[in-house]
N, C-alpha and C. Protein backbone atom coordinates (compact mmCIF):
# COMPACT_ATOMS: atom_id res chain seq x y z
N UNK A 1 0.82 -1.21 0.00
CA UNK A 1 0.00 0.00 0.00
C UNK A 1 0.86 1.26 0.00
N UNK A 2 1.90 1.26 0.86
CA UNK A 2 2.81 2.41 0.96
C UNK A 2 4.24 1.91 0.85
N UNK A 3 5.02 2.60 0.05
CA UNK A 3 6.45 2.29 -0.07
C UNK A 3 7.23 3.59 -0.17
N UNK A 4 8.02 3.89 0.87
CA UNK A 4 8.87 5.07 0.88
C UNK A 4 10.31 4.63 1.04
N UNK A 5 11.18 5.26 0.28
CA UNK A 5 12.61 4.97 0.41
C UNK A 5 13.37 6.29 0.55
N UNK A 6 14.06 6.40 1.68
CA UNK A 6 14.89 7.58 1.98
C UNK A 6 14.07 8.87 1.85
N UNK A 7 12.95 8.91 2.55
CA UNK A 7 12.07 10.07 2.49
C UNK A 7 12.47 11.11 3.54
N UNK A 8 12.24 12.37 3.22
CA UNK A 8 12.56 13.45 4.15
C UNK A 8 11.58 14.60 3.96
N UNK A 9 11.33 15.31 5.05
CA UNK A 9 10.50 16.52 5.02
C UNK A 9 11.26 17.62 5.73
N UNK A 10 11.32 18.77 5.11
CA UNK A 10 12.02 19.92 5.66
C UNK A 10 11.11 21.14 5.60
N UNK A 11 11.01 21.86 6.71
CA UNK A 11 10.29 23.12 6.74
C UNK A 11 11.31 24.24 6.90
N UNK A 12 11.42 25.09 5.87
CA UNK A 12 12.44 26.13 5.90
C UNK A 12 13.81 25.50 5.91
N UNK A 13 14.60 25.84 6.90
CA UNK A 13 15.93 25.24 7.05
C UNK A 13 15.95 24.11 8.06
N UNK A 14 14.77 23.74 8.58
CA UNK A 14 14.73 22.76 9.65
C UNK A 14 14.20 21.42 9.13
N UNK A 15 15.05 20.39 9.15
CA UNK A 15 14.57 19.07 8.75
C UNK A 15 13.71 18.44 9.85
N UNK A 16 12.55 17.94 9.48
CA UNK A 16 11.72 17.24 10.45
C UNK A 16 12.19 15.80 10.61
N UNK A 17 12.44 15.14 9.50
CA UNK A 17 13.05 13.81 9.51
C UNK A 17 13.69 13.59 8.15
N UNK A 18 14.59 12.63 8.10
CA UNK A 18 15.25 12.31 6.83
C UNK A 18 15.63 10.84 6.82
N UNK A 19 15.81 10.30 5.61
CA UNK A 19 16.24 8.92 5.46
C UNK A 19 15.21 7.89 5.90
N UNK A 20 13.92 8.25 5.84
CA UNK A 20 12.88 7.32 6.31
C UNK A 20 12.56 6.29 5.24
N UNK A 21 12.65 5.02 5.62
CA UNK A 21 12.18 3.91 4.79
C UNK A 21 10.92 3.36 5.45
N UNK A 22 9.86 3.25 4.67
CA UNK A 22 8.58 2.80 5.22
C UNK A 22 7.87 1.91 4.23
N UNK A 23 7.45 0.75 4.70
CA UNK A 23 6.66 -0.17 3.87
C UNK A 23 5.43 -0.59 4.68
N UNK A 24 4.26 -0.39 4.10
CA UNK A 24 3.00 -0.80 4.73
C UNK A 24 2.26 -1.67 3.74
N UNK A 25 2.01 -2.92 4.12
CA UNK A 25 1.35 -3.87 3.24
C UNK A 25 -0.10 -4.08 3.64
N UNK A 26 -0.94 -4.58 2.73
CA UNK A 26 -2.32 -4.91 3.10
C UNK A 26 -2.34 -5.85 4.30
N UNK A 27 -3.26 -5.59 5.22
CA UNK A 27 -3.38 -6.40 6.42
C UNK A 27 -2.55 -5.92 7.58
N UNK A 28 -1.76 -4.87 7.39
CA UNK A 28 -0.88 -4.39 8.45
C UNK A 28 -1.42 -3.14 9.14
N UNK A 29 -1.20 -3.08 10.45
CA UNK A 29 -1.46 -1.91 11.27
C UNK A 29 -0.11 -1.42 11.76
N UNK A 30 0.33 -0.27 11.25
CA UNK A 30 1.66 0.26 11.53
C UNK A 30 1.53 1.56 12.33
N UNK A 31 2.29 1.65 13.41
CA UNK A 31 2.29 2.84 14.24
C UNK A 31 3.46 3.75 13.94
N UNK A 32 3.25 5.05 14.05
CA UNK A 32 4.29 6.06 13.94
C UNK A 32 4.32 6.83 15.24
N UNK A 33 5.47 6.84 15.90
CA UNK A 33 5.60 7.53 17.17
C UNK A 33 6.83 8.45 17.14
N UNK A 34 7.03 9.20 18.20
CA UNK A 34 8.17 10.12 18.26
C UNK A 34 7.80 11.38 19.00
N UNK A 35 8.80 12.20 19.28
CA UNK A 35 8.59 13.43 20.02
C UNK A 35 7.74 14.42 19.22
N UNK A 36 7.10 15.33 19.92
CA UNK A 36 6.33 16.38 19.25
C UNK A 36 7.23 17.19 18.34
N UNK A 37 6.75 17.49 17.14
CA UNK A 37 7.52 18.30 16.20
C UNK A 37 8.47 17.52 15.32
N UNK A 38 8.43 16.18 15.40
CA UNK A 38 9.36 15.38 14.60
C UNK A 38 8.83 15.08 13.21
N UNK A 39 7.58 15.48 12.93
CA UNK A 39 7.07 15.32 11.57
C UNK A 39 6.05 14.22 11.38
N UNK A 40 5.45 13.72 12.46
CA UNK A 40 4.50 12.61 12.34
C UNK A 40 3.26 13.02 11.53
N UNK A 41 2.64 14.11 11.95
CA UNK A 41 1.46 14.59 11.22
C UNK A 41 1.83 15.01 9.81
N UNK A 42 2.98 15.64 9.65
CA UNK A 42 3.43 16.07 8.33
C UNK A 42 3.60 14.88 7.40
N UNK A 43 4.03 13.74 7.94
CA UNK A 43 4.17 12.53 7.12
C UNK A 43 2.81 12.11 6.56
N UNK A 44 1.78 12.07 7.41
CA UNK A 44 0.46 11.69 6.93
C UNK A 44 -0.02 12.66 5.85
N UNK A 45 0.17 13.93 6.10
CA UNK A 45 -0.29 14.93 5.13
C UNK A 45 0.52 14.88 3.84
N UNK A 46 1.79 14.49 3.95
CA UNK A 46 2.62 14.35 2.74
C UNK A 46 2.12 13.19 1.89
N UNK A 47 1.65 12.13 2.53
CA UNK A 47 1.13 10.98 1.79
C UNK A 47 -0.15 11.32 1.03
N UNK A 48 -0.78 12.42 1.42
CA UNK A 48 -1.98 12.90 0.72
C UNK A 48 -1.67 14.06 -0.21
N UNK A 49 -0.40 14.42 -0.30
CA UNK A 49 0.00 15.48 -1.22
C UNK A 49 -0.16 16.89 -0.70
N UNK A 50 -0.38 17.05 0.60
CA UNK A 50 -0.59 18.38 1.17
C UNK A 50 0.69 19.01 1.70
N UNK A 51 1.71 18.20 1.90
CA UNK A 51 3.01 18.67 2.41
C UNK A 51 4.09 18.13 1.49
N UNK A 52 5.02 18.98 1.04
CA UNK A 52 6.07 18.48 0.14
C UNK A 52 7.01 17.52 0.86
N UNK A 53 7.36 16.45 0.17
CA UNK A 53 8.27 15.45 0.72
C UNK A 53 9.23 15.01 -0.38
N UNK A 54 10.48 14.91 -0.03
CA UNK A 54 11.49 14.39 -0.96
C UNK A 54 11.76 12.93 -0.63
N UNK A 55 11.96 12.13 -1.67
CA UNK A 55 12.23 10.71 -1.45
C UNK A 55 12.90 10.13 -2.69
N UNK A 56 13.73 9.13 -2.47
CA UNK A 56 14.30 8.39 -3.60
C UNK A 56 13.23 7.54 -4.27
N UNK A 57 12.20 7.18 -3.50
CA UNK A 57 11.06 6.46 -4.05
C UNK A 57 9.87 6.65 -3.14
N UNK A 58 8.69 6.97 -3.72
CA UNK A 58 7.47 7.16 -2.92
C UNK A 58 6.28 6.68 -3.75
N UNK A 59 5.66 5.61 -3.27
CA UNK A 59 4.53 5.00 -4.00
C UNK A 59 3.41 4.64 -3.02
N UNK A 60 2.18 4.86 -3.43
CA UNK A 60 1.00 4.38 -2.73
C UNK A 60 0.14 3.62 -3.73
N UNK A 61 -0.27 2.42 -3.35
CA UNK A 61 -1.05 1.56 -4.24
C UNK A 61 -0.32 1.30 -5.55
N UNK A 62 1.02 1.34 -5.52
CA UNK A 62 1.81 1.16 -6.72
C UNK A 62 1.88 2.38 -7.61
N UNK A 63 1.28 3.49 -7.17
CA UNK A 63 1.27 4.72 -7.95
C UNK A 63 2.31 5.69 -7.40
N UNK A 64 3.01 6.40 -8.26
CA UNK A 64 3.96 7.41 -7.77
C UNK A 64 3.23 8.51 -7.01
N UNK A 65 3.82 8.94 -5.92
CA UNK A 65 3.25 10.03 -5.14
C UNK A 65 3.62 11.35 -5.82
N UNK A 66 2.80 11.75 -6.79
CA UNK A 66 3.07 12.97 -7.54
C UNK A 66 1.74 13.61 -7.93
N UNK A 67 1.83 14.78 -8.54
CA UNK A 67 0.63 15.55 -8.88
C UNK A 67 -0.28 14.79 -9.83
N UNK A 68 0.29 13.99 -10.71
CA UNK A 68 -0.51 13.27 -11.69
C UNK A 68 -1.39 12.20 -11.05
N UNK A 69 -0.91 11.60 -9.96
CA UNK A 69 -1.61 10.46 -9.38
C UNK A 69 -2.26 10.76 -8.03
N UNK A 70 -2.11 11.99 -7.51
CA UNK A 70 -2.55 12.25 -6.15
C UNK A 70 -4.07 12.10 -5.99
N UNK A 71 -4.85 12.45 -6.99
CA UNK A 71 -6.30 12.30 -6.87
C UNK A 71 -6.69 10.83 -6.72
N UNK A 72 -6.06 9.97 -7.49
CA UNK A 72 -6.34 8.53 -7.40
C UNK A 72 -5.95 7.99 -6.03
N UNK A 73 -4.84 8.51 -5.48
CA UNK A 73 -4.40 8.08 -4.16
C UNK A 73 -5.39 8.52 -3.09
N UNK A 74 -5.84 9.77 -3.17
CA UNK A 74 -6.79 10.28 -2.18
C UNK A 74 -8.11 9.53 -2.22
N UNK A 75 -8.53 9.13 -3.40
CA UNK A 75 -9.80 8.43 -3.53
C UNK A 75 -9.79 7.06 -2.85
N UNK A 76 -8.61 6.51 -2.62
CA UNK A 76 -8.50 5.19 -2.00
C UNK A 76 -8.12 5.28 -0.52
N UNK A 77 -8.06 6.49 0.01
CA UNK A 77 -7.55 6.69 1.36
C UNK A 77 -8.57 7.39 2.24
N UNK A 78 -8.73 6.90 3.48
CA UNK A 78 -9.54 7.58 4.49
C UNK A 78 -8.60 8.22 5.49
N UNK A 79 -8.77 9.52 5.71
CA UNK A 79 -7.88 10.27 6.60
C UNK A 79 -8.69 10.90 7.72
N UNK A 80 -8.25 10.70 8.95
CA UNK A 80 -8.89 11.33 10.10
C UNK A 80 -7.83 12.15 10.83
N UNK A 81 -7.91 13.49 10.78
CA UNK A 81 -6.92 14.33 11.46
C UNK A 81 -7.10 14.29 12.97
N UNK A 82 -6.10 14.79 13.68
CA UNK A 82 -6.15 14.73 15.14
C UNK A 82 -7.21 15.66 15.71
N UNK A 83 -7.20 16.90 15.30
CA UNK A 83 -8.13 17.88 15.86
C UNK A 83 -9.03 18.39 14.75
N UNK A 84 -10.31 18.10 14.90
CA UNK A 84 -11.28 18.55 13.92
C UNK A 84 -12.48 19.09 14.68
N UNK A 85 -12.75 20.36 14.50
CA UNK A 85 -13.90 21.00 15.13
C UNK A 85 -14.91 21.35 14.04
N UNK A 86 -15.67 20.39 13.59
CA UNK A 86 -16.55 20.61 12.45
C UNK A 86 -17.77 21.46 12.80
N UNK A 87 -18.21 22.24 11.85
CA UNK A 87 -19.42 23.04 12.02
C UNK A 87 -20.63 22.21 11.59
N UNK A 88 -20.97 21.25 12.43
CA UNK A 88 -22.13 20.40 12.16
C UNK A 88 -23.10 20.52 13.32
N UNK A 89 -24.35 20.16 13.08
CA UNK A 89 -25.38 20.33 14.09
C UNK A 89 -25.56 19.09 14.97
N UNK A 90 -25.58 17.91 14.34
CA UNK A 90 -25.88 16.69 15.07
C UNK A 90 -24.74 15.68 14.94
N UNK A 91 -24.73 14.74 15.87
CA UNK A 91 -23.69 13.73 15.84
C UNK A 91 -23.65 12.94 14.56
N UNK A 92 -24.82 12.65 13.97
CA UNK A 92 -24.84 11.84 12.74
C UNK A 92 -24.18 12.57 11.58
N UNK A 93 -24.08 13.91 11.66
CA UNK A 93 -23.43 14.66 10.58
C UNK A 93 -21.94 14.37 10.50
N UNK A 94 -21.36 13.87 11.60
CA UNK A 94 -19.94 13.55 11.58
C UNK A 94 -19.62 12.42 10.61
N UNK A 95 -20.59 11.54 10.36
CA UNK A 95 -20.36 10.42 9.46
C UNK A 95 -19.93 10.92 8.09
N UNK A 96 -20.58 11.97 7.61
CA UNK A 96 -20.29 12.45 6.27
C UNK A 96 -18.97 13.18 6.13
N UNK A 97 -18.31 13.51 7.24
CA UNK A 97 -17.08 14.29 7.15
C UNK A 97 -15.92 13.51 6.54
N UNK A 98 -16.05 12.20 6.45
CA UNK A 98 -15.00 11.41 5.81
C UNK A 98 -15.16 11.39 4.31
N UNK A 99 -16.21 12.03 3.80
CA UNK A 99 -16.35 12.13 2.34
C UNK A 99 -16.90 13.50 1.98
N UNK A 100 -16.03 14.38 1.58
CA UNK A 100 -16.43 15.70 1.09
C UNK A 100 -17.30 16.48 2.06
N UNK A 101 -17.20 16.17 3.36
CA UNK A 101 -17.93 16.88 4.39
C UNK A 101 -19.45 16.87 4.20
N UNK A 102 -19.96 15.90 3.47
CA UNK A 102 -21.41 15.78 3.33
C UNK A 102 -21.80 14.31 3.32
N UNK A 103 -22.88 13.99 3.99
CA UNK A 103 -23.28 12.60 4.10
C UNK A 103 -23.74 12.05 2.76
N UNK A 104 -23.22 10.88 2.42
CA UNK A 104 -23.65 10.19 1.20
C UNK A 104 -23.69 8.71 1.53
N UNK A 105 -24.87 8.21 1.86
CA UNK A 105 -24.98 6.84 2.35
C UNK A 105 -24.53 5.81 1.33
N UNK A 106 -24.60 6.14 0.04
CA UNK A 106 -24.23 5.17 -0.97
C UNK A 106 -22.74 4.86 -0.94
N UNK A 107 -21.95 5.75 -0.33
CA UNK A 107 -20.51 5.54 -0.27
C UNK A 107 -20.08 4.83 1.00
N UNK A 108 -20.99 4.69 1.95
CA UNK A 108 -20.66 4.05 3.20
C UNK A 108 -21.19 2.63 3.25
N UNK A 109 -20.42 1.75 3.86
CA UNK A 109 -20.83 0.36 4.02
C UNK A 109 -21.72 0.27 5.25
N UNK A 110 -22.95 0.73 5.13
CA UNK A 110 -23.82 0.86 6.30
C UNK A 110 -24.16 -0.49 6.93
N UNK A 111 -23.95 -1.59 6.22
CA UNK A 111 -24.25 -2.90 6.82
C UNK A 111 -23.32 -3.19 7.99
N UNK A 112 -22.18 -2.50 8.07
CA UNK A 112 -21.24 -2.70 9.17
C UNK A 112 -21.50 -1.75 10.33
N UNK A 113 -22.50 -0.88 10.21
CA UNK A 113 -22.74 0.12 11.24
C UNK A 113 -23.03 -0.49 12.61
N UNK A 114 -23.94 -1.47 12.73
CA UNK A 114 -24.23 -2.02 14.07
C UNK A 114 -23.00 -2.63 14.75
N UNK A 115 -22.21 -3.38 14.00
CA UNK A 115 -21.06 -4.03 14.65
C UNK A 115 -19.99 -3.01 15.02
N UNK A 116 -19.82 -1.95 14.23
CA UNK A 116 -18.85 -0.92 14.58
C UNK A 116 -19.32 -0.10 15.77
N UNK A 117 -20.61 0.15 15.85
CA UNK A 117 -21.15 0.86 17.02
C UNK A 117 -20.88 0.06 18.28
N UNK A 118 -21.08 -1.25 18.20
CA UNK A 118 -20.81 -2.09 19.36
C UNK A 118 -19.33 -2.15 19.67
N UNK A 119 -18.50 -2.31 18.64
CA UNK A 119 -17.05 -2.43 18.84
C UNK A 119 -16.46 -1.18 19.47
N UNK A 120 -16.98 -0.01 19.08
CA UNK A 120 -16.43 1.26 19.58
C UNK A 120 -17.26 1.86 20.70
N UNK A 121 -18.24 1.11 21.19
CA UNK A 121 -19.10 1.56 22.29
C UNK A 121 -19.76 2.90 21.97
N UNK A 122 -20.37 2.98 20.79
CA UNK A 122 -21.08 4.18 20.37
C UNK A 122 -22.57 3.95 20.53
N UNK A 123 -23.17 4.69 21.42
CA UNK A 123 -24.60 4.55 21.65
C UNK A 123 -25.38 5.30 20.58
N UNK A 124 -26.52 4.76 20.20
CA UNK A 124 -27.33 5.37 19.14
C UNK A 124 -27.75 6.80 19.50
N UNK A 125 -27.80 7.12 20.78
CA UNK A 125 -28.21 8.46 21.19
C UNK A 125 -27.23 9.53 20.73
N UNK A 126 -25.98 9.16 20.47
CA UNK A 126 -24.99 10.14 20.03
C UNK A 126 -25.29 10.69 18.65
N UNK A 127 -26.04 9.94 17.86
CA UNK A 127 -26.35 10.39 16.51
C UNK A 127 -27.26 11.62 16.51
N UNK A 128 -28.15 11.69 17.47
CA UNK A 128 -29.09 12.81 17.52
C UNK A 128 -28.66 13.90 18.49
N UNK A 129 -27.60 13.65 19.25
CA UNK A 129 -27.11 14.65 20.20
C UNK A 129 -26.49 15.83 19.45
N UNK A 130 -26.74 17.07 19.91
CA UNK A 130 -26.06 18.21 19.27
C UNK A 130 -24.56 17.99 19.27
N UNK A 131 -23.91 18.28 18.15
CA UNK A 131 -22.48 18.04 18.03
C UNK A 131 -21.68 18.78 19.10
N UNK A 132 -22.18 19.94 19.50
CA UNK A 132 -21.49 20.73 20.52
C UNK A 132 -21.48 20.04 21.88
N UNK A 133 -22.38 19.06 22.06
CA UNK A 133 -22.46 18.36 23.33
C UNK A 133 -21.61 17.09 23.35
N UNK A 134 -21.04 16.72 22.22
CA UNK A 134 -20.19 15.53 22.16
C UNK A 134 -18.85 15.82 22.82
N UNK A 135 -18.35 14.88 23.60
CA UNK A 135 -17.02 15.02 24.17
C UNK A 135 -15.97 14.78 23.09
N UNK A 136 -14.72 15.13 23.40
CA UNK A 136 -13.64 14.87 22.44
C UNK A 136 -13.52 13.40 22.11
N UNK A 137 -13.67 12.55 23.12
CA UNK A 137 -13.58 11.12 22.89
C UNK A 137 -14.72 10.58 22.06
N UNK A 138 -15.92 11.08 22.32
CA UNK A 138 -17.07 10.65 21.52
C UNK A 138 -16.90 11.08 20.06
N UNK A 139 -16.41 12.29 19.86
CA UNK A 139 -16.19 12.78 18.50
C UNK A 139 -15.15 11.92 17.79
N UNK A 140 -14.07 11.58 18.49
CA UNK A 140 -13.03 10.75 17.88
C UNK A 140 -13.57 9.39 17.45
N UNK A 141 -14.36 8.77 18.32
CA UNK A 141 -14.88 7.44 17.99
C UNK A 141 -15.88 7.51 16.84
N UNK A 142 -16.67 8.57 16.79
CA UNK A 142 -17.62 8.73 15.68
C UNK A 142 -16.89 8.91 14.35
N UNK A 143 -15.83 9.72 14.35
CA UNK A 143 -15.08 9.96 13.11
C UNK A 143 -14.34 8.70 12.66
N UNK A 144 -13.80 7.95 13.63
CA UNK A 144 -13.13 6.70 13.28
C UNK A 144 -14.14 5.71 12.70
N UNK A 145 -15.32 5.61 13.29
CA UNK A 145 -16.34 4.73 12.75
C UNK A 145 -16.70 5.14 11.32
N UNK A 146 -16.82 6.46 11.09
CA UNK A 146 -17.14 6.94 9.75
C UNK A 146 -16.07 6.53 8.76
N UNK A 147 -14.81 6.62 9.16
CA UNK A 147 -13.72 6.23 8.27
C UNK A 147 -13.77 4.73 7.97
N UNK A 148 -14.09 3.93 8.97
CA UNK A 148 -14.15 2.49 8.78
C UNK A 148 -15.34 2.07 7.93
N UNK A 149 -16.38 2.89 7.90
CA UNK A 149 -17.55 2.58 7.08
C UNK A 149 -17.29 2.82 5.60
N UNK A 150 -16.30 3.64 5.28
CA UNK A 150 -15.96 3.87 3.88
C UNK A 150 -15.14 2.70 3.34
N UNK A 151 -15.40 2.27 2.11
CA UNK A 151 -14.65 1.14 1.53
C UNK A 151 -13.29 1.58 1.00
N UNK A 152 -12.47 2.11 1.90
CA UNK A 152 -11.15 2.59 1.51
C UNK A 152 -10.09 1.59 1.97
N UNK A 153 -9.16 1.20 1.13
CA UNK A 153 -8.16 0.20 1.53
C UNK A 153 -7.08 0.73 2.46
N UNK A 154 -6.92 2.07 2.54
CA UNK A 154 -5.87 2.64 3.38
C UNK A 154 -6.46 3.63 4.36
N UNK A 155 -6.08 3.49 5.64
CA UNK A 155 -6.48 4.41 6.69
C UNK A 155 -5.27 5.17 7.19
N UNK A 156 -5.36 6.51 7.22
CA UNK A 156 -4.34 7.36 7.80
C UNK A 156 -4.97 8.07 8.99
N UNK A 157 -4.50 7.76 10.19
CA UNK A 157 -5.14 8.23 11.41
C UNK A 157 -4.15 8.97 12.29
N UNK A 158 -4.50 10.19 12.67
CA UNK A 158 -3.61 11.03 13.47
C UNK A 158 -4.13 11.11 14.90
N UNK A 159 -3.43 10.45 15.81
CA UNK A 159 -3.76 10.44 17.24
C UNK A 159 -5.24 10.11 17.48
N UNK A 160 -5.72 8.98 16.99
CA UNK A 160 -7.15 8.67 17.10
C UNK A 160 -7.63 8.37 18.52
N UNK A 161 -6.70 8.21 19.48
CA UNK A 161 -7.11 7.90 20.86
C UNK A 161 -6.65 8.95 21.85
N UNK A 162 -6.29 10.14 21.38
CA UNK A 162 -5.72 11.15 22.28
C UNK A 162 -6.69 11.58 23.37
N UNK A 163 -7.99 11.48 23.12
CA UNK A 163 -8.99 11.90 24.11
C UNK A 163 -9.71 10.71 24.75
N UNK A 164 -9.14 9.51 24.61
CA UNK A 164 -9.83 8.31 25.08
C UNK A 164 -9.17 7.71 26.31
N UNK A 165 -9.97 7.02 27.12
CA UNK A 165 -9.42 6.29 28.25
C UNK A 165 -8.84 4.96 27.76
N UNK A 166 -8.26 4.21 28.68
CA UNK A 166 -7.56 2.97 28.30
C UNK A 166 -8.49 1.97 27.66
N UNK A 167 -9.68 1.77 28.22
CA UNK A 167 -10.59 0.79 27.67
C UNK A 167 -11.05 1.19 26.27
N UNK A 168 -11.31 2.46 26.05
CA UNK A 168 -11.72 2.92 24.73
C UNK A 168 -10.57 2.78 23.73
N UNK A 169 -9.34 3.01 24.18
CA UNK A 169 -8.18 2.82 23.31
C UNK A 169 -8.07 1.36 22.88
N UNK A 170 -8.36 0.45 23.79
CA UNK A 170 -8.33 -0.97 23.44
C UNK A 170 -9.40 -1.29 22.40
N UNK A 171 -10.55 -0.69 22.54
CA UNK A 171 -11.62 -0.91 21.56
C UNK A 171 -11.18 -0.44 20.17
N UNK A 172 -10.55 0.73 20.13
CA UNK A 172 -10.06 1.25 18.85
C UNK A 172 -9.00 0.32 18.28
N UNK A 173 -8.08 -0.13 19.11
CA UNK A 173 -7.04 -1.04 18.65
C UNK A 173 -7.61 -2.32 18.07
N UNK A 174 -8.59 -2.88 18.74
CA UNK A 174 -9.20 -4.13 18.24
C UNK A 174 -9.96 -3.88 16.93
N UNK A 175 -10.65 -2.74 16.84
CA UNK A 175 -11.38 -2.42 15.61
C UNK A 175 -10.44 -2.25 14.43
N UNK A 176 -9.30 -1.61 14.67
CA UNK A 176 -8.34 -1.42 13.59
C UNK A 176 -7.67 -2.73 13.20
N UNK A 177 -7.36 -3.56 14.18
CA UNK A 177 -6.81 -4.88 13.87
C UNK A 177 -7.77 -5.67 13.00
N UNK A 178 -9.05 -5.64 13.34
CA UNK A 178 -10.03 -6.39 12.56
C UNK A 178 -10.12 -5.85 11.14
N UNK A 179 -10.12 -4.53 10.99
CA UNK A 179 -10.21 -3.92 9.66
C UNK A 179 -9.02 -4.34 8.80
N UNK A 180 -7.85 -4.43 9.43
CA UNK A 180 -6.65 -4.79 8.66
C UNK A 180 -6.59 -6.29 8.39
N UNK A 181 -6.75 -7.08 9.41
CA UNK A 181 -6.53 -8.53 9.26
C UNK A 181 -7.70 -9.24 8.56
N UNK A 182 -8.91 -8.79 8.86
CA UNK A 182 -10.07 -9.48 8.29
C UNK A 182 -10.49 -8.90 6.95
N UNK A 183 -10.29 -7.61 6.76
CA UNK A 183 -10.73 -6.95 5.53
C UNK A 183 -9.58 -6.65 4.57
N UNK A 184 -8.34 -6.92 4.99
CA UNK A 184 -7.21 -6.69 4.11
C UNK A 184 -6.85 -5.24 3.90
N UNK A 185 -7.30 -4.38 4.80
CA UNK A 185 -6.91 -2.97 4.70
C UNK A 185 -5.53 -2.77 5.30
N UNK A 186 -5.01 -1.56 5.17
CA UNK A 186 -3.78 -1.17 5.84
C UNK A 186 -4.05 0.11 6.59
N UNK A 187 -3.41 0.27 7.75
CA UNK A 187 -3.60 1.48 8.55
C UNK A 187 -2.25 1.99 9.01
N UNK A 188 -2.05 3.28 8.86
CA UNK A 188 -0.87 3.98 9.38
C UNK A 188 -1.37 4.94 10.44
N UNK A 189 -0.94 4.72 11.68
CA UNK A 189 -1.50 5.42 12.82
C UNK A 189 -0.42 6.21 13.55
N UNK A 190 -0.57 7.51 13.62
CA UNK A 190 0.30 8.35 14.43
C UNK A 190 -0.25 8.35 15.86
N UNK A 191 0.59 8.05 16.84
CA UNK A 191 0.09 7.97 18.21
C UNK A 191 1.21 8.06 19.23
N UNK A 192 0.87 8.64 20.39
CA UNK A 192 1.72 8.57 21.58
C UNK A 192 1.17 7.55 22.59
N UNK A 193 0.04 6.94 22.25
CA UNK A 193 -0.69 6.09 23.18
C UNK A 193 -0.09 4.69 23.20
N UNK A 194 0.55 4.28 24.32
CA UNK A 194 1.14 2.95 24.37
C UNK A 194 0.12 1.83 24.25
N UNK A 195 -1.11 2.08 24.67
CA UNK A 195 -2.15 1.06 24.54
C UNK A 195 -2.44 0.79 23.08
N UNK A 196 -2.68 1.84 22.31
CA UNK A 196 -2.96 1.66 20.88
C UNK A 196 -1.74 1.11 20.14
N UNK A 197 -0.57 1.63 20.45
CA UNK A 197 0.64 1.16 19.77
C UNK A 197 0.90 -0.32 20.04
N UNK A 198 0.40 -0.81 21.18
CA UNK A 198 0.56 -2.22 21.50
C UNK A 198 -0.21 -3.13 20.56
N UNK A 199 -1.20 -2.61 19.85
CA UNK A 199 -1.95 -3.39 18.89
C UNK A 199 -1.30 -3.39 17.50
N UNK A 200 -0.30 -2.56 17.31
CA UNK A 200 0.32 -2.43 15.99
C UNK A 200 1.23 -3.60 15.68
N UNK A 201 1.32 -3.96 14.42
CA UNK A 201 2.26 -4.99 13.99
C UNK A 201 3.69 -4.49 14.07
N UNK A 202 3.88 -3.20 13.93
CA UNK A 202 5.20 -2.60 13.98
C UNK A 202 5.06 -1.14 14.34
N UNK A 203 6.00 -0.61 15.11
CA UNK A 203 6.01 0.81 15.47
C UNK A 203 7.31 1.43 15.01
N UNK A 204 7.21 2.51 14.26
CA UNK A 204 8.38 3.23 13.77
C UNK A 204 8.49 4.53 14.56
N UNK A 205 9.64 4.73 15.18
CA UNK A 205 9.88 5.95 15.94
C UNK A 205 10.67 6.94 15.08
N UNK A 206 10.03 8.08 14.79
CA UNK A 206 10.75 9.12 14.06
C UNK A 206 11.72 9.80 15.01
N UNK A 207 12.95 10.07 14.57
CA UNK A 207 13.95 10.69 15.45
C UNK A 207 13.57 12.12 15.80
């Protein structure tokens, strides 16, 4: 799904990281960790073409990571940023934020909704609750569920458990493992959470 060879990101004169080799295959859950400011979030955004990255080789889905192929790459990828304060009215509106910020049920695998609600401990009442009343953890779990409902082979997740307790982090870890191992997806997860990272097949620490 992802193949990077000797990748680097630099902002101004300051290198965030360099010489990164990264391979993520279908069925794998890979963690990215490291100190704040080392480029973890920038790496995810670079894989979507939003941040410039230099590399001797950079491919997603076998496609070069360049302007010509970036739309095709984005169409196959579900991305959930760390902090998202959406201007939506109800909890159910969060589902649509994983696709053009508008709900489109035809693009979501709604048959998996009940099992994901159970796996992530999402009560049906959250769908009708005003979005302003949702906690950070509830919002995170709703957005992750929305990403998992999309038939995207690659998940890019930035600190998906930062507002969650240990038990909720375990639920997220198990849900991601199932998505990767049972559905053949791949997930690249930026996290400082040792509970979530414990579910990963491999953890890469950026210097």
